[in-house]
PDB file of N, CA and C in Angstrom:
ATOM      1  N   MET A   1     -29.090 -16.992  71.157  1.00  0.00           N
ATOM      2  CA  MET A   1     -27.270 -17.128  71.011  1.00  0.00           C
ATOM      3  C   MET A   1     -27.094 -18.097  70.217  1.00  0.00           C
ATOM      4  N   ARG A   2     -27.600 -19.564  70.161  1.00  0.00           N
ATOM      5  CA  ARG A   2     -27.349 -20.369  69.421  1.00  0.00           C
ATOM      6  C   ARG A   2     -27.591 -20.322  68.036  1.00  0.00           C
ATOM      7  N   ASN A   3     -29.036 -19.606  68.087  1.00  0.00           N
ATOM      8  CA  ASN A   3     -29.399 -19.825  66.760  1.00  0.00           C
ATOM      9  C   ASN A   3     -28.734 -18.517  65.803  1.00  0.00           C
ATOM     10  N   ILE A   4     -28.247 -17.131  66.586  1.00  0.00           N
ATOM     11  CA  ILE A   4     -27.723 -16.357  65.657  1.00  0.00           C
ATOM     12  C   ILE A   4     -26.268 -16.878  65.090  1.00  0.00           C
ATOM     13  N   LEU A   5     -25.673 -17.715  66.171  1.00  0.00           N
ATOM     14  CA  LEU A   5     -24.115 -18.480  65.723  1.00  0.00           C
ATOM     15  C   LEU A   5     -24.604 -19.464  64.478  1.00  0.00           C
ATOM     16  N   PHE A   6     -25.552 -20.013  64.461  1.00  0.00           N
ATOM     17  CA  PHE A   6     -25.812 -21.227  63.386  1.00  0.00           C
ATOM     18  C   PHE A   6     -26.041 -20.053  62.090  1.00  0.00           C
ATOM     19  N   LEU A   7     -26.938 -19.062  62.359  1.00  0.00           N
ATOM     20  CA  LEU A   7     -27.297 -18.369  61.253  1.00  0.00           C
ATOM     21  C   LEU A   7     -25.904 -17.948  60.581  1.00  0.00           C
ATOM     22  N   ILE A   8     -25.148 -17.005  61.469  1.00  0.00           N
ATOM     23  CA  ILE A   8     -23.706 -16.610  60.795  1.00  0.00           C
ATOM     24  C   ILE A   8     -22.966 -17.630  60.241  1.00  0.00           C
ATOM     25  N   THR A   9     -22.950 -18.906  60.802  1.00  0.00           N
ATOM     26  CA  THR A   9     -22.094 -19.956  60.074  1.00  0.00           C
ATOM     27  C   THR A   9     -22.787 -20.346  58.801  1.00  0.00           C
ATOM     28  N   SER A  10     -24.152 -20.822  58.757  1.00  0.00           N
ATOM     29  CA  SER A  10     -24.425 -20.879  57.464  1.00  0.00           C
ATOM     30  C   SER A  10     -24.317 -19.815  56.225  1.00  0.00           C
ATOM     31  N   LEU A  11     -24.291 -18.561  56.588  1.00  0.00           N
ATOM     32  CA  LEU A  11     -24.239 -17.581  55.619  1.00  0.00           C
ATOM     33  C   LEU A  11     -22.993 -17.491  55.287  1.00  0.00           C
ATOM     34  N   LEU A  12     -21.844 -17.765  56.423  1.00  0.00           N
ATOM     35  CA  LEU A  12     -20.635 -17.828  55.856  1.00  0.00           C
ATOM     36  C   LEU A  12     -20.227 -19.028  55.000  1.00  0.00           C
ATOM     37  N   CYS A  13     -20.884 -20.218  55.178  1.00  0.00           N
ATOM     38  CA  CYS A  13     -20.591 -21.308  54.300  1.00  0.00           C
ATOM     39  C   CYS A  13     -21.356 -21.321  52.853  1.00  0.00           C
ATOM     40  N   LEU A  14     -22.328 -20.684  52.903  1.00  0.00           N
ATOM     41  CA  LEU A  14     -22.793 -20.268  51.540  1.00  0.00           C
ATOM     42  C   LEU A  14     -22.247 -19.564  50.579  1.00  0.00           C
ATOM     43  N   THR A  15     -21.591 -18.268  51.376  1.00  0.00           N
ATOM     44  CA  THR A  15     -20.851 -17.393  50.769  1.00  0.00           C
ATOM     45  C   THR A  15     -19.798 -18.068  50.404  1.00  0.00           C
ATOM     46  N   LEU A  16     -19.029 -18.731  50.695  1.00  0.00           N
ATOM     47  CA  LEU A  16     -17.863 -19.669  50.422  1.00  0.00           C
ATOM     48  C   LEU A  16     -18.084 -20.778  49.201  1.00  0.00           C
ATOM     49  N   VAL A  17     -19.077 -21.203  49.548  1.00  0.00           N
ATOM     50  CA  VAL A  17     -19.349 -22.173  48.271  1.00  0.00           C
ATOM     51  C   VAL A  17     -19.873 -21.338  47.016  1.00  0.00           C
ATOM     52  N   ASN A  18     -20.459 -20.159  47.166  1.00  0.00           N
ATOM     53  CA  ASN A  18     -20.804 -19.376  46.108  1.00  0.00           C
ATOM     54  C   ASN A  18     -19.587 -18.804  45.154  1.00  0.00           C
ATOM     55  N   ALA A  19     -18.510 -18.485  46.029  1.00  0.00           N
ATOM     56  CA  ALA A  19     -17.419 -17.988  45.822  1.00  0.00           C
ATOM     57  C   ALA A  19     -16.356 -18.992  44.728  1.00  0.00           C
ATOM     58  N   GLN A  20     -16.643 -20.113  45.133  1.00  0.00           N
ATOM     59  CA  GLN A  20     -15.869 -21.319  44.501  1.00  0.00           C
ATOM     60  C   GLN A  20     -16.439 -21.489  43.234  1.00  0.00           C
ATOM     61  N   GLU A  21     -17.670 -21.482  42.997  1.00  0.00           N
ATOM     62  CA  GLU A  21     -18.517 -21.757  42.013  1.00  0.00           C
ATOM     63  C   GLU A  21     -18.687 -20.691  40.662  1.00  0.00           C
ATOM     64  N   THR A  22     -18.219 -19.373  41.043  1.00  0.00           N
ATOM     65  CA  THR A  22     -18.000 -18.440  40.049  1.00  0.00           C
ATOM     66  C   THR A  22     -16.610 -18.598  39.568  1.00  0.00           C
ATOM     67  N   LYS A  23     -16.898 -18.502  38.227  1.00  0.00           N
ATOM     68  CA  LYS A  23     -15.755 -18.426  37.098  1.00  0.00           C
ATOM     69  C   LYS A  23     -15.096 -17.223  37.291  1.00  0.00           C
ATOM     70  N   GLU A  24     -13.884 -17.433  37.560  1.00  0.00           N
ATOM     71  CA  GLU A  24     -13.004 -16.233  37.412  1.00  0.00           C
ATOM     72  C   GLU A  24     -12.800 -15.435  36.101  1.00  0.00           C
ATOM     73  N   ILE A  25     -13.174 -14.321  36.399  1.00  0.00           N
ATOM     74  CA  ILE A  25     -13.373 -13.702  34.581  1.00  0.00           C
ATOM     75  C   ILE A  25     -12.403 -12.742  34.879  1.00  0.00           C
ATOM     76  N   ASN A  26     -10.952 -12.705  33.692  1.00  0.00           N
ATOM     77  CA  ASN A  26     -10.026 -11.795  33.748  1.00  0.00           C
ATOM     78  C   ASN A  26     -10.109 -10.706  32.781  1.00  0.00           C
ATOM     79  N   LYS A  27      -9.875  -9.766  33.542  1.00  0.00           N
ATOM     80  CA  LYS A  27      -9.963  -8.530  32.890  1.00  0.00           C
ATOM     81  C   LYS A  27      -8.637  -8.068  32.022  1.00  0.00           C
ATOM     82  N   ASN A  28      -7.511  -9.043  32.139  1.00  0.00           N
ATOM     83  CA  ASN A  28      -6.442  -9.110  31.166  1.00  0.00           C
ATOM     84  C   ASN A  28      -6.223 -10.228  30.663  1.00  0.00           C
ATOM     85  N   LYS A  29      -6.942 -11.050  30.257  1.00  0.00           N
ATOM     86  CA  LYS A  29      -6.251 -12.440  29.675  1.00  0.00           C
ATOM     87  C   LYS A  29      -5.656 -12.362  28.474  1.00  0.00           C
ATOM     88  N   LYS A  30      -4.656 -13.201  28.438  1.00  0.00           N
ATOM     89  CA  LYS A  30      -3.678 -13.025  27.431  1.00  0.00           C
ATOM     90  C   LYS A  30      -3.597 -14.356  26.617  1.00  0.00           C
ATOM     91  N   ALA A  31      -3.802 -14.530  25.248  1.00  0.00           N
ATOM     92  CA  ALA A  31      -3.874 -15.517  24.760  1.00  0.00           C
ATOM     93  C   ALA A  31      -2.905 -15.977  23.363  1.00  0.00           C
ATOM     94  N   GLU A  32      -2.764 -16.659  22.835  1.00  0.00           N
ATOM     95  CA  GLU A  32      -1.700 -16.640  21.619  1.00  0.00           C
ATOM     96  C   GLU A  32      -2.219 -17.936  20.699  1.00  0.00           C
ATOM     97  N   PHE A  33      -2.556 -17.582  19.510  1.00  0.00           N
ATOM     98  CA  PHE A  33      -3.171 -18.570  18.476  1.00  0.00           C
ATOM     99  C   PHE A  33      -2.558 -18.280  17.143  1.00  0.00           C
ATOM    100  N   PRO A  34      -2.362 -19.266  16.241  1.00  0.00           N
ATOM    101  CA  PRO A  34      -1.709 -19.230  14.821  1.00  0.00           C
ATOM    102  C   PRO A  34      -3.083 -18.533  13.847  1.00  0.00           C
ATOM    103  N   VAL A  35      -2.580 -17.536  13.077  1.00  0.00           N
ATOM    104  CA  VAL A  35      -3.317 -16.875  12.122  1.00  0.00           C
ATOM    105  C   VAL A  35      -2.531 -16.855  10.961  1.00  0.00           C
ATOM    106  N   GLY A  36      -3.246 -17.284   9.774  1.00  0.00           N
ATOM    107  CA  GLY A  36      -2.565 -17.463   8.264  1.00  0.00           C
ATOM    108  C   GLY A  36      -2.346 -16.116   7.716  1.00  0.00           C
ATOM    109  N   GLY A  37      -1.508 -15.729   7.143  1.00  0.00           N
ATOM    110  CA  GLY A  37      -0.812 -14.788   6.296  1.00  0.00           C
ATOM    111  C   GLY A  37       0.551 -14.403   5.969  1.00  0.00           C
ATOM    112  N   ASN A  38       0.870 -13.612   5.184  1.00  0.00           N
ATOM    113  CA  ASN A  38       2.430 -13.589   4.549  1.00  0.00           C
ATOM    114  C   ASN A  38       2.869 -12.263   5.078  1.00  0.00           C
ATOM    115  N   CYS A  39       2.410 -11.084   4.769  1.00  0.00           N
ATOM    116  CA  CYS A  39       2.830 -10.040   4.572  1.00  0.00           C
ATOM    117  C   CYS A  39       2.472  -8.894   5.671  1.00  0.00           C
ATOM    118  N   GLN A  40       3.085  -7.774   5.438  1.00  0.00           N
ATOM    119  CA  GLN A  40       2.479  -6.458   6.343  1.00  0.00           C
ATOM    120  C   GLN A  40       1.259  -5.838   5.977  1.00  0.00           C
ATOM    121  N   MET A  41       0.616  -6.039   4.771  1.00  0.00           N
ATOM    122  CA  MET A  41      -0.936  -5.662   4.611  1.00  0.00           C
ATOM    123  C   MET A  41      -1.666  -6.652   5.095  1.00  0.00           C
ATOM    124  N   CYS A  42      -1.346  -8.233   5.359  1.00  0.00           N
ATOM    125  CA  CYS A  42      -2.065  -9.270   6.095  1.00  0.00           C
ATOM    126  C   CYS A  42      -1.944  -8.703   7.485  1.00  0.00           C
ATOM    127  N   LYS A  43      -0.798  -8.045   8.168  1.00  0.00           N
ATOM    128  CA  LYS A  43      -0.664  -8.033   9.484  1.00  0.00           C
ATOM    129  C   LYS A  43      -1.676  -6.656   9.926  1.00  0.00           C
ATOM    130  N   LYS A  44      -1.369  -5.572   8.788  1.00  0.00           N
ATOM    131  CA  LYS A  44      -2.486  -4.528   9.232  1.00  0.00           C
ATOM    132  C   LYS A  44      -3.938  -4.997   9.296  1.00  0.00           C
ATOM    133  N   ARG A  45      -4.452  -5.768   8.317  1.00  0.00           N
ATOM    134  CA  ARG A  45      -5.737  -6.283   8.158  1.00  0.00           C
ATOM    135  C   ARG A  45      -5.934  -7.214   9.480  1.00  0.00           C
ATOM    136  N   ILE A  46      -5.194  -8.030   9.763  1.00  0.00           N
ATOM    137  CA  ILE A  46      -5.414  -9.071  11.133  1.00  0.00           C
ATOM    138  C   ILE A  46      -5.651  -8.102  12.295  1.00  0.00           C
ATOM    139  N   GLU A  47      -4.733  -7.140  12.569  1.00  0.00           N
ATOM    140  CA  GLU A  47      -4.769  -6.684  13.757  1.00  0.00           C
ATOM    141  C   GLU A  47      -6.002  -5.724  13.714  1.00  0.00           C
ATOM    142  N   LYS A  48      -6.332  -5.144  12.493  1.00  0.00           N
ATOM    143  CA  LYS A  48      -7.713  -3.937  12.526  1.00  0.00           C
ATOM    144  C   LYS A  48      -8.778  -5.310  12.737  1.00  0.00           C
ATOM    145  N   ALA A  49      -8.688  -6.329  12.376  1.00  0.00           N
ATOM    146  CA  ALA A  49      -9.915  -7.201  12.734  1.00  0.00           C
ATOM    147  C   ALA A  49     -10.184  -7.476  13.895  1.00  0.00           C
ATOM    148  N   ALA A  50      -8.724  -7.719  14.586  1.00  0.00           N
ATOM    149  CA  ALA A  50      -8.864  -8.132  16.138  1.00  0.00           C
ATOM    150  C   ALA A  50      -9.387  -6.723  16.821  1.00  0.00           C
ATOM    151  N   TYR A  51      -8.767  -5.586  16.595  1.00  0.00           N
ATOM    152  CA  TYR A  51      -9.144  -4.377  17.625  1.00  0.00           C
ATOM    153  C   TYR A  51     -10.910  -3.972  17.241  1.00  0.00           C
ATOM    154  N   SER A  52     -11.388  -4.648  16.186  1.00  0.00           N
ATOM    155  CA  SER A  52     -12.825  -4.125  15.924  1.00  0.00           C
ATOM    156  C   SER A  52     -13.746  -5.135  17.052  1.00  0.00           C
ATOM    157  N   VAL A  53     -13.367  -5.950  17.460  1.00  0.00           N
ATOM    158  CA  VAL A  53     -14.030  -6.709  18.693  1.00  0.00           C
ATOM    159  C   VAL A  53     -13.847  -5.736  19.885  1.00  0.00           C
ATOM    160  N   LYS A  54     -14.975  -5.579  20.474  1.00  0.00           N
ATOM    161  CA  LYS A  54     -15.033  -4.871  21.723  1.00  0.00           C
ATOM    162  C   LYS A  54     -14.499  -5.722  22.904  1.00  0.00           C
ATOM    163  N   GLY A  55     -13.489  -5.027  23.656  1.00  0.00           N
ATOM    164  CA  GLY A  55     -12.707  -5.815  24.782  1.00  0.00           C
ATOM    165  C   GLY A  55     -11.506  -6.140  24.372  1.00  0.00           C
ATOM    166  N   VAL A  56     -10.973  -6.051  23.186  1.00  0.00           N
ATOM    167  CA  VAL A  56      -9.512  -6.179  22.854  1.00  0.00           C
ATOM    168  C   VAL A  56      -8.761  -4.920  23.062  1.00  0.00           C
ATOM    169  N   LYS A  57      -7.843  -5.578  23.989  1.00  0.00           N
ATOM    170  CA  LYS A  57      -6.785  -4.228  24.326  1.00  0.00           C
ATOM    171  C   LYS A  57      -5.552  -4.440  23.841  1.00  0.00           C
ATOM    172  N   SER A  58      -5.236  -5.455  23.356  1.00  0.00           N
ATOM    173  CA  SER A  58      -3.580  -5.427  22.677  1.00  0.00           C
ATOM    174  C   SER A  58      -3.904  -6.491  21.654  1.00  0.00           C
ATOM    175  N   ALA A  59      -3.459  -6.245  20.583  1.00  0.00           N
ATOM    176  CA  ALA A  59      -3.552  -7.410  19.469  1.00  0.00           C
ATOM    177  C   ALA A  59      -2.233  -7.233  18.264  1.00  0.00           C
ATOM    178  N   ASP A  60      -1.156  -8.146  18.511  1.00  0.00           N
ATOM    179  CA  ASP A  60      -0.048  -8.259  17.639  1.00  0.00           C
ATOM    180  C   ASP A  60       0.133  -9.320  16.973  1.00  0.00           C
ATOM    181  N   TRP A  61       0.141  -9.402  15.361  1.00  0.00           N
ATOM    182  CA  TRP A  61       0.616 -10.679  14.609  1.00  0.00           C
ATOM    183  C   TRP A  61       1.896 -10.592  14.098  1.00  0.00           C
ATOM    184  N   ASN A  62       2.428 -11.776  14.467  1.00  0.00           N
ATOM    185  CA  ASN A  62       4.103 -11.547  13.817  1.00  0.00           C
ATOM    186  C   ASN A  62       3.991 -12.282  12.522  1.00  0.00           C
ATOM    187  N   VAL A  63       4.635 -11.668  11.789  1.00  0.00           N
ATOM    188  CA  VAL A  63       4.613 -12.124  10.310  1.00  0.00           C
ATOM    189  C   VAL A  63       5.496 -13.282  10.000  1.00  0.00           C
ATOM    190  N   ASP A  64       6.643 -13.157  10.945  1.00  0.00           N
ATOM    191  CA  ASP A  64       7.593 -14.314  10.575  1.00  0.00           C
ATOM    192  C   ASP A  64       6.979 -15.626  11.239  1.00  0.00           C
ATOM    193  N   SER A  65       6.652 -15.696  12.398  1.00  0.00           N
ATOM    194  CA  SER A  65       5.854 -17.051  13.242  1.00  0.00           C
ATOM    195  C   SER A  65       4.482 -17.270  12.802  1.00  0.00           C
ATOM    196  N   GLY A  66       3.745 -16.309  12.819  1.00  0.00           N
ATOM    197  CA  GLY A  66       2.176 -16.316  12.144  1.00  0.00           C
ATOM    198  C   GLY A  66       1.280 -16.539  13.332  1.00  0.00           C
ATOM    199  N   ASN A  67       1.904 -15.933  14.682  1.00  0.00           N
ATOM    200  CA  ASN A  67       1.277 -16.283  16.115  1.00  0.00           C
ATOM    201  C   ASN A  67       0.725 -14.933  16.031  1.00  0.00           C
ATOM    202  N   MET A  68      -0.379 -14.821  16.520  1.00  0.00           N
ATOM    203  CA  MET A  68      -0.942 -13.588  17.053  1.00  0.00           C
ATOM    204  C   MET A  68      -0.864 -13.520  18.517  1.00  0.00           C
ATOM    205  N   LYS A  69      -0.778 -12.535  19.403  1.00  0.00           N
ATOM    206  CA  LYS A  69      -0.623 -12.522  20.664  1.00  0.00           C
ATOM    207  C   LYS A  69      -2.124 -11.299  20.977  1.00  0.00           C
ATOM    208  N   ILE A  70      -2.786 -11.830  21.745  1.00  0.00           N
ATOM    209  CA  ILE A  70      -3.776 -10.834  22.218  1.00  0.00           C
ATOM    210  C   ILE A  70      -3.984 -10.709  23.589  1.00  0.00           C
ATOM    211  N   VAL A  71      -4.575  -9.459  24.175  1.00  0.00           N
ATOM    212  CA  VAL A  71      -4.845  -9.175  25.704  1.00  0.00           C
ATOM    213  C   VAL A  71      -6.447  -8.809  25.538  1.00  0.00           C
ATOM    214  N   ILE A  72      -7.438  -9.184  26.059  1.00  0.00           N
ATOM    215  CA  ILE A  72      -8.457  -8.939  26.155  1.00  0.00           C
ATOM    216  C   ILE A  72      -9.311  -9.207  27.590  1.00  0.00           C
ATOM    217  N   ASP A  73     -10.188  -8.455  27.541  1.00  0.00           N
ATOM    218  CA  ASP A  73     -11.363  -8.380  28.877  1.00  0.00           C
ATOM    219  C   ASP A  73     -12.390  -9.295  28.463  1.00  0.00           C
ATOM    220  N   GLU A  74     -12.176 -10.220  29.401  1.00  0.00           N
ATOM    221  CA  GLU A  74     -13.090 -11.559  29.062  1.00  0.00           C
ATOM    222  C   GLU A  74     -14.676 -10.916  29.713  1.00  0.00           C
ATOM    223  N   ARG A  75     -14.751  -9.835  30.074  1.00  0.00           N
ATOM    224  CA  ARG A  75     -16.074  -9.359  30.332  1.00  0.00           C
ATOM    225  C   ARG A  75     -17.010  -8.675  29.312  1.00  0.00           C
ATOM    226  N   LYS A  76     -16.122  -8.353  28.202  1.00  0.00           N
ATOM    227  CA  LYS A  76     -16.694  -8.017  26.962  1.00  0.00           C
ATOM    228  C   LYS A  76     -16.277  -8.897  25.811  1.00  0.00           C
ATOM    229  N   CYS A  77     -15.462  -9.879  25.690  1.00  0.00           N
ATOM    230  CA  CYS A  77     -15.195 -10.757  24.740  1.00  0.00           C
ATOM    231  C   CYS A  77     -14.701 -12.293  24.805  1.00  0.00           C
ATOM    232  N   SER A  78     -14.619 -12.890  23.907  1.00  0.00           N
ATOM    233  CA  SER A  78     -13.502 -14.387  24.311  1.00  0.00           C
ATOM    234  C   SER A  78     -12.785 -14.267  23.274  1.00  0.00           C
ATOM    235  N   VAL A  79     -11.688 -15.058  23.287  1.00  0.00           N
ATOM    236  CA  VAL A  79     -10.613 -15.657  22.126  1.00  0.00           C
ATOM    237  C   VAL A  79     -11.523 -15.999  21.286  1.00  0.00           C
ATOM    238  N   GLU A  80     -12.384 -16.533  21.109  1.00  0.00           N
ATOM    239  CA  GLU A  80     -13.196 -17.170  19.944  1.00  0.00           C
ATOM    240  C   GLU A  80     -13.631 -16.098  19.024  1.00  0.00           C
ATOM    241  N   ASP A  81     -14.294 -15.107  20.085  1.00  0.00           N
ATOM    242  CA  ASP A  81     -14.962 -13.668  19.193  1.00  0.00           C
ATOM    243  C   ASP A  81     -13.799 -13.012  18.198  1.00  0.00           C
ATOM    244  N   VAL A  82     -12.650 -13.226  18.792  1.00  0.00           N
ATOM    245  CA  VAL A  82     -11.685 -12.357  18.008  1.00  0.00           C
ATOM    246  C   VAL A  82     -11.216 -13.332  16.972  1.00  0.00           C
ATOM    247  N   GLN A  83     -11.064 -14.814  17.152  1.00  0.00           N
ATOM    248  CA  GLN A  83     -10.707 -15.635  15.978  1.00  0.00           C
ATOM    249  C   GLN A  83     -11.928 -15.728  14.785  1.00  0.00           C
ATOM    250  N   LYS A  84     -13.273 -15.471  15.332  1.00  0.00           N
ATOM    251  CA  LYS A  84     -14.150 -15.356  14.303  1.00  0.00           C
ATOM    252  C   LYS A  84     -14.051 -13.988  13.490  1.00  0.00           C
ATOM    253  N   ALA A  85     -13.682 -12.922  14.028  1.00  0.00           N
ATOM    254  CA  ALA A  85     -13.368 -11.490  13.514  1.00  0.00           C
ATOM    255  C   ALA A  85     -12.509 -11.743  12.421  1.00  0.00           C
ATOM    256  N   ILE A  86     -11.475 -12.412  12.541  1.00  0.00           N
ATOM    257  CA  ILE A  86     -10.236 -12.279  12.001  1.00  0.00           C
ATOM    258  C   ILE A  86     -10.791 -13.300  10.831  1.00  0.00           C
ATOM    259  N   ALA A  87     -11.178 -14.627  10.991  1.00  0.00           N
ATOM    260  CA  ALA A  87     -11.651 -15.347   9.878  1.00  0.00           C
ATOM    261  C   ALA A  87     -12.584 -14.877   9.012  1.00  0.00           C
ATOM    262  N   LYS A  88     -13.459 -14.002   9.332  1.00  0.00           N
ATOM    263  CA  LYS A  88     -14.466 -13.228   8.661  1.00  0.00           C
ATOM    264  C   LYS A  88     -14.103 -12.381   7.425  1.00  0.00           C
ATOM    265  N   ILE A  89     -12.733 -11.900   7.477  1.00  0.00           N
ATOM    266  CA  ILE A  89     -11.613 -11.189   6.763  1.00  0.00           C
ATOM    267  C   ILE A  89     -10.881 -12.068   5.990  1.00  0.00           C
ATOM    268  N   GLY A  90     -10.879 -13.486   6.075  1.00  0.00           N
ATOM    269  CA  GLY A  90     -10.153 -14.284   5.025  1.00  0.00           C
ATOM    270  C   GLY A  90      -8.980 -15.008   5.408  1.00  0.00           C
ATOM    271  N   HIS A  91      -8.650 -14.665   6.970  1.00  0.00           N
ATOM    272  CA  HIS A  91      -7.679 -15.380   7.476  1.00  0.00           C
ATOM    273  C   HIS A  91      -7.971 -16.190   8.415  1.00  0.00           C
ATOM    274  N   ASP A  92      -7.095 -17.589   8.438  1.00  0.00           N
ATOM    275  CA  ASP A  92      -7.477 -18.803   9.031  1.00  0.00           C
ATOM    276  C   ASP A  92      -7.198 -18.487  10.440  1.00  0.00           C
ATOM    277  N   ALA A  93      -7.941 -18.547  11.683  1.00  0.00           N
ATOM    278  CA  ALA A  93      -7.228 -18.036  12.888  1.00  0.00           C
ATOM    279  C   ALA A  93      -7.590 -19.174  14.215  1.00  0.00           C
ATOM    280  N   GLY A  94      -6.716 -19.713  14.475  1.00  0.00           N
ATOM    281  CA  GLY A  94      -6.510 -20.892  15.476  1.00  0.00           C
ATOM    282  C   GLY A  94      -7.359 -22.233  14.810  1.00  0.00           C
ATOM    283  N   LYS A  95      -8.476 -22.494  15.425  1.00  0.00           N
ATOM    284  CA  LYS A  95      -9.181 -23.556  14.789  1.00  0.00           C
ATOM    285  C   LYS A  95     -10.517 -23.423  13.699  1.00  0.00           C
ATOM    286  N   ILE A  96     -10.401 -21.996  13.579  1.00  0.00           N
ATOM    287  CA  ILE A  96     -11.791 -21.267  12.902  1.00  0.00           C
ATOM    288  C   ILE A  96     -10.962 -20.850  11.677  1.00  0.00           C
ATOM    289  N   LYS A  97     -11.682 -21.626  10.535  1.00  0.00           N
ATOM    290  CA  LYS A  97     -11.146 -21.246   9.363  1.00  0.00           C
ATOM    291  C   LYS A  97     -12.087 -20.258   8.439  1.00  0.00           C
ATOM    292  N   ALA A  98     -11.286 -19.631   7.652  1.00  0.00           N
ATOM    293  CA  ALA A  98     -12.128 -18.569   6.922  1.00  0.00           C
ATOM    294  C   ALA A  98     -12.581 -19.043   5.711  1.00  0.00           C
ATOM    295  N   ASP A  99     -13.850 -18.348   5.249  1.00  0.00           N
ATOM    296  CA  ASP A  99     -14.739 -18.717   4.207  1.00  0.00           C
ATOM    297  C   ASP A  99     -13.688 -18.984   2.961  1.00  0.00           C
ATOM    298  N   GLU A 100     -14.217 -19.832   1.843  1.00  0.00           N
ATOM    299  CA  GLU A 100     -13.034 -20.290   0.828  1.00  0.00           C
ATOM    300  C   GLU A 100     -13.569 -18.729   0.106  1.00  0.00           C
ATOM    301  N   LYS A 101     -14.511 -18.512  -0.335  1.00  0.00           N
ATOM    302  CA  LYS A 101     -14.694 -17.141  -1.085  1.00  0.00           C
ATOM    303  C   LYS A 101     -13.899 -15.813  -0.458  1.00  0.00           C
ATOM    304  N   THR A 102     -14.264 -15.805   0.682  1.00  0.00           N
ATOM    305  CA  THR A 102     -13.530 -14.711   1.454  1.00  0.00           C
ATOM    306  C   THR A 102     -11.761 -14.647   0.919  1.00  0.00           C
ATOM    307  N   TYR A 103     -11.451 -15.815   1.300  1.00  0.00           N
ATOM    308  CA  TYR A 103      -9.927 -16.391   1.192  1.00  0.00           C
ATOM    309  C   TYR A 103      -9.393 -15.735  -0.210  1.00  0.00           C
ATOM    310  N   GLU A 104     -10.275 -16.063  -1.072  1.00  0.00           N
ATOM    311  CA  GLU A 104      -9.752 -15.872  -2.490  1.00  0.00           C
ATOM    312  C   GLU A 104     -10.144 -14.465  -3.179  1.00  0.00           C
ATOM    313  N   LYS A 105     -10.616 -13.800  -2.271  1.00  0.00           N
ATOM    314  CA  LYS A 105     -10.552 -12.393  -2.572  1.00  0.00           C
ATOM    315  C   LYS A 105      -9.601 -11.402  -1.865  1.00  0.00           C
ATOM    316  N   LEU A 106      -8.524 -12.041  -1.031  1.00  0.00           N
ATOM    317  CA  LEU A 106      -7.573 -11.663  -0.719  1.00  0.00           C
ATOM    318  C   LEU A 106      -6.573 -11.336  -1.718  1.00  0.00           C
ATOM    319  N   HIS A 107      -5.589 -10.082  -1.201  1.00  0.00           N
ATOM    320  CA  HIS A 107      -4.589  -9.764  -2.593  1.00  0.00           C
ATOM    321  C   HIS A 107      -3.698 -11.041  -2.571  1.00  0.00           C
ATOM    322  N   HIS A 108      -3.139 -11.043  -4.011  1.00  0.00           N
ATOM    323  CA  HIS A 108      -2.492 -12.233  -4.425  1.00  0.00           C
ATOM    324  C   HIS A 108      -1.414 -12.467  -3.288  1.00  0.00           C
ATOM    325  N   CYS A 109      -0.726 -11.290  -3.011  1.00  0.00           N
ATOM    326  CA  CYS A 109       0.863 -11.891  -1.772  1.00  0.00           C
ATOM    327  C   CYS A 109      -0.064 -12.016  -0.651  1.00  0.00           C
ATOM    328  N   CYS A 110      -1.317 -12.051  -0.272  1.00  0.00           N
ATOM    329  CA  CYS A 110      -1.774 -12.363   1.011  1.00  0.00           C
ATOM    330  C   CYS A 110      -2.402 -13.890   1.005  1.00  0.00           C
ATOM    331  N   LEU A 111      -2.211 -14.435   0.003  1.00  0.00           N
ATOM    332  CA  LEU A 111      -2.943 -15.982  -0.231  1.00  0.00           C
ATOM    333  C   LEU A 111      -1.875 -16.820   0.495  1.00  0.00           C
ATOM    334  N   TYR A 112      -2.100 -17.065   1.502  1.00  0.00           N
ATOM    335  CA  TYR A 112      -1.059 -18.035   2.641  1.00  0.00           C
ATOM    336  C   TYR A 112      -1.470 -19.156   2.235  1.00  0.00           C
ATOM    337  N   GLU A 113      -0.675 -20.475   2.456  1.00  0.00           N
ATOM    338  CA  GLU A 113      -0.848 -21.605   2.240  1.00  0.00           C
ATOM    339  C   GLU A 113      -1.671 -22.160   3.463  1.00  0.00           C
ATOM    340  N   ARG A 114      -2.917 -22.603   2.914  1.00  0.00           N
ATOM    341  CA  ARG A 114      -3.876 -23.127   4.166  1.00  0.00           C
ATOM    342  C   ARG A 114      -3.695 -24.575   4.385  1.00  0.00           C
ATOM    343  N   LEU A 115      -3.921 -24.975   5.654  1.00  0.00           N
ATOM    344  CA  LEU A 115      -3.517 -26.328   6.349  1.00  0.00           C
ATOM    345  C   LEU A 115      -4.977 -27.087   5.773  1.00  0.00           C
ATOM    346  N   PRO A 116      -4.778 -28.487   5.371  1.00  0.00           N
ATOM    347  CA  PRO A 116      -5.865 -29.052   5.215  1.00  0.00           C
ATOM    348  C   PRO A 116      -6.642 -29.416   6.396  1.00  0.00           C
ATOM    349  N   GLU A 117      -8.035 -29.504   6.179  1.00  0.00           N
ATOM    350  CA  GLU A 117      -8.839 -29.750   7.257  1.00  0.00           C
ATOM    351  C   GLU A 117      -8.753 -31.129   7.805  1.00  0.00           C
TER     352      GLU A 117
END
């Protein structure tokens, strides 16, 4: 009897320790970060790039503030994945900067003021 009680207690402790070590993965993680752009054409391009990432549930870029609000499934993607997809099309996203050549290919009205590195 004492052995069974010890075994049950040990298994319970191991389960609790394992549960604490597991990183909580959020199916509806909300994030906000700045994205460089100027106009409605930028908005369409930026949001399209965000939605191209598997796991993005919502993407809304505000033209006036330059802030991007997203909702993602962390099991499928990360905020950095979304930022990389946006940078790949020529728009600086958070700490990820777009390639200079890609930026220069944007329409003239979409050439936003880039921050110095």
